[in-house]
Amino acid sequence: MTQQEAFGIAAFRSRQQVMRMDSALRRAGVHSEIISTPRDVSLGCGLSVRFDLRDAPAAMNVYRQARPGNLIGFYRVDRLPGQRAQVTPL
C-alpha cells in the first residue's frame, strides 16, 4: 500500500530568508526543516521551509511576527510515491 504524504511549506526568494524563517519557527517550538522547493513553485531560491500542516496557522503567525521578507507563499504539498507532488496555496 502506498502512503500519501501531506505537509506545508513556506517558499522564499532567498536562501537567507529560508534560514531566518526556519530559525524563527524552531524558536517558536514549531518543528521545521529545510527542503528543496517542489517544481510547481518555480520561483525562488530552490529551498523552502517544511512544516506539519497542523502547524500552518502557527507558521503563518511566526512569519507575521518575524517578517523575514521575500515570501513567495505558503503551500500545501500532497504527494504519493512515484508521482509528481500536487501543490496548492494555503
Protein backbone atom coordinates (compact mmCIF):
# COMPACT_ATOMS: atom_id res chain seq x y z
CA MET A 1 0.00 0.00 0.00
CA THR A 2 1.33 3.43 -0.90
CA GLN A 3 1.36 6.19 1.64
CA GLN A 4 0.27 9.70 0.74
CA GLU A 5 2.35 12.43 2.31
CA ALA A 6 0.97 15.90 3.01
CA PHE A 7 2.81 18.84 4.54
CA GLY A 8 3.11 22.61 4.38
CA ILE A 9 5.92 24.75 3.02
CA ALA A 10 6.88 28.39 3.08
CA ALA A 11 8.72 29.31 -0.12
CA PHE A 12 11.06 32.31 -0.32
CA ARG A 13 13.10 34.11 -2.98
CA SER A 14 16.31 33.99 -0.96
CA ARG A 15 18.17 31.30 0.95
CA GLN A 16 18.89 33.79 3.72
CA GLN A 17 15.14 34.25 4.27
CA VAL A 18 14.63 30.46 4.32
CA MET A 19 17.25 30.18 7.07
CA ARG A 20 15.69 33.06 9.05
CA MET A 21 12.22 31.52 8.85
CA ASP A 22 13.49 28.06 9.83
CA SER A 23 15.23 29.56 12.88
CA ALA A 24 12.16 31.60 13.84
CA LEU A 25 9.92 28.51 13.62
CA ARG A 26 12.28 26.47 15.77
CA ARG A 27 12.46 29.24 18.38
CA ALA A 28 8.63 29.24 18.44
CA GLY A 29 8.57 25.49 19.03
CA VAL A 30 7.35 24.57 15.54
CA HIS A 31 9.17 21.58 14.05
CA SER A 32 10.56 22.55 10.66
CA GLU A 33 13.19 21.52 8.15
CA ILE A 34 14.69 22.98 5.01
CA ILE A 35 13.82 21.08 1.82
CA SER A 36 14.09 21.52 -1.94
CA THR A 37 11.14 23.50 -3.26
CA PRO A 38 8.72 21.41 -5.36
CA ARG A 39 8.86 22.12 -9.10
CA ASP A 40 5.35 23.61 -9.15
CA VAL A 41 6.63 26.53 -7.07
CA SER A 42 9.05 27.59 -9.76
CA LEU A 43 10.11 30.97 -8.40
CA GLY A 44 12.64 31.41 -5.68
CA CYS A 45 15.93 30.12 -4.45
CA GLY A 46 15.15 26.41 -4.67
CA LEU A 47 14.74 25.89 -0.92
CA SER A 48 11.66 26.06 1.30
CA VAL A 49 10.83 25.55 4.94
CA ARG A 50 8.71 22.44 5.57
CA PHE A 51 6.29 22.12 8.48
CA ASP A 52 3.39 19.91 9.50
CA LEU A 53 0.02 21.02 8.14
CA ARG A 54 -1.44 21.19 11.65
CA ASP A 55 1.23 23.83 12.39
CA ALA A 56 0.27 26.01 9.39
CA PRO A 57 -1.54 28.68 11.47
CA ALA A 58 1.44 28.88 13.86
CA ALA A 59 3.90 29.05 10.93
CA MET A 60 1.95 31.92 9.35
CA ASN A 61 1.86 33.71 12.70
CA VAL A 62 5.62 33.27 13.12
CA TYR A 63 6.10 34.76 9.63
CA ARG A 64 3.95 37.78 10.52
CA GLN A 65 5.96 38.33 13.70
CA ALA A 66 9.46 37.62 12.32
CA ARG A 67 8.90 39.24 8.91
CA PRO A 68 11.87 37.58 7.20
CA GLY A 69 10.69 39.06 3.86
CA ASN A 70 10.84 37.78 0.28
CA LEU A 71 7.97 35.33 0.82
CA ILE A 72 6.64 33.66 -2.32
CA GLY A 73 3.87 31.95 -0.38
CA PHE A 74 2.62 29.23 1.91
CA TYR A 75 1.62 25.99 0.19
CA ARG A 76 0.17 22.57 0.90
CA VAL A 77 2.12 19.75 -0.74
CA ASP A 78 0.44 16.37 -1.36
CA ARG A 79 2.37 13.52 -2.90
CA LEU A 80 2.21 9.82 -3.50
CA PRO A 81 5.38 7.81 -4.04
CA GLY A 82 6.36 7.82 -7.71
CA GLN A 83 4.08 10.74 -8.59
CA ARG A 84 4.65 14.44 -9.02
CA ALA A 85 3.69 16.48 -5.96
CA GLN A 86 0.44 18.43 -6.04
CA VAL A 87 0.97 21.97 -4.69
CA THR A 88 -1.86 24.28 -3.65
CA PRO A 89 -1.73 27.64 -1.89
CA LEU A 90 -2.64 27.66 1.80
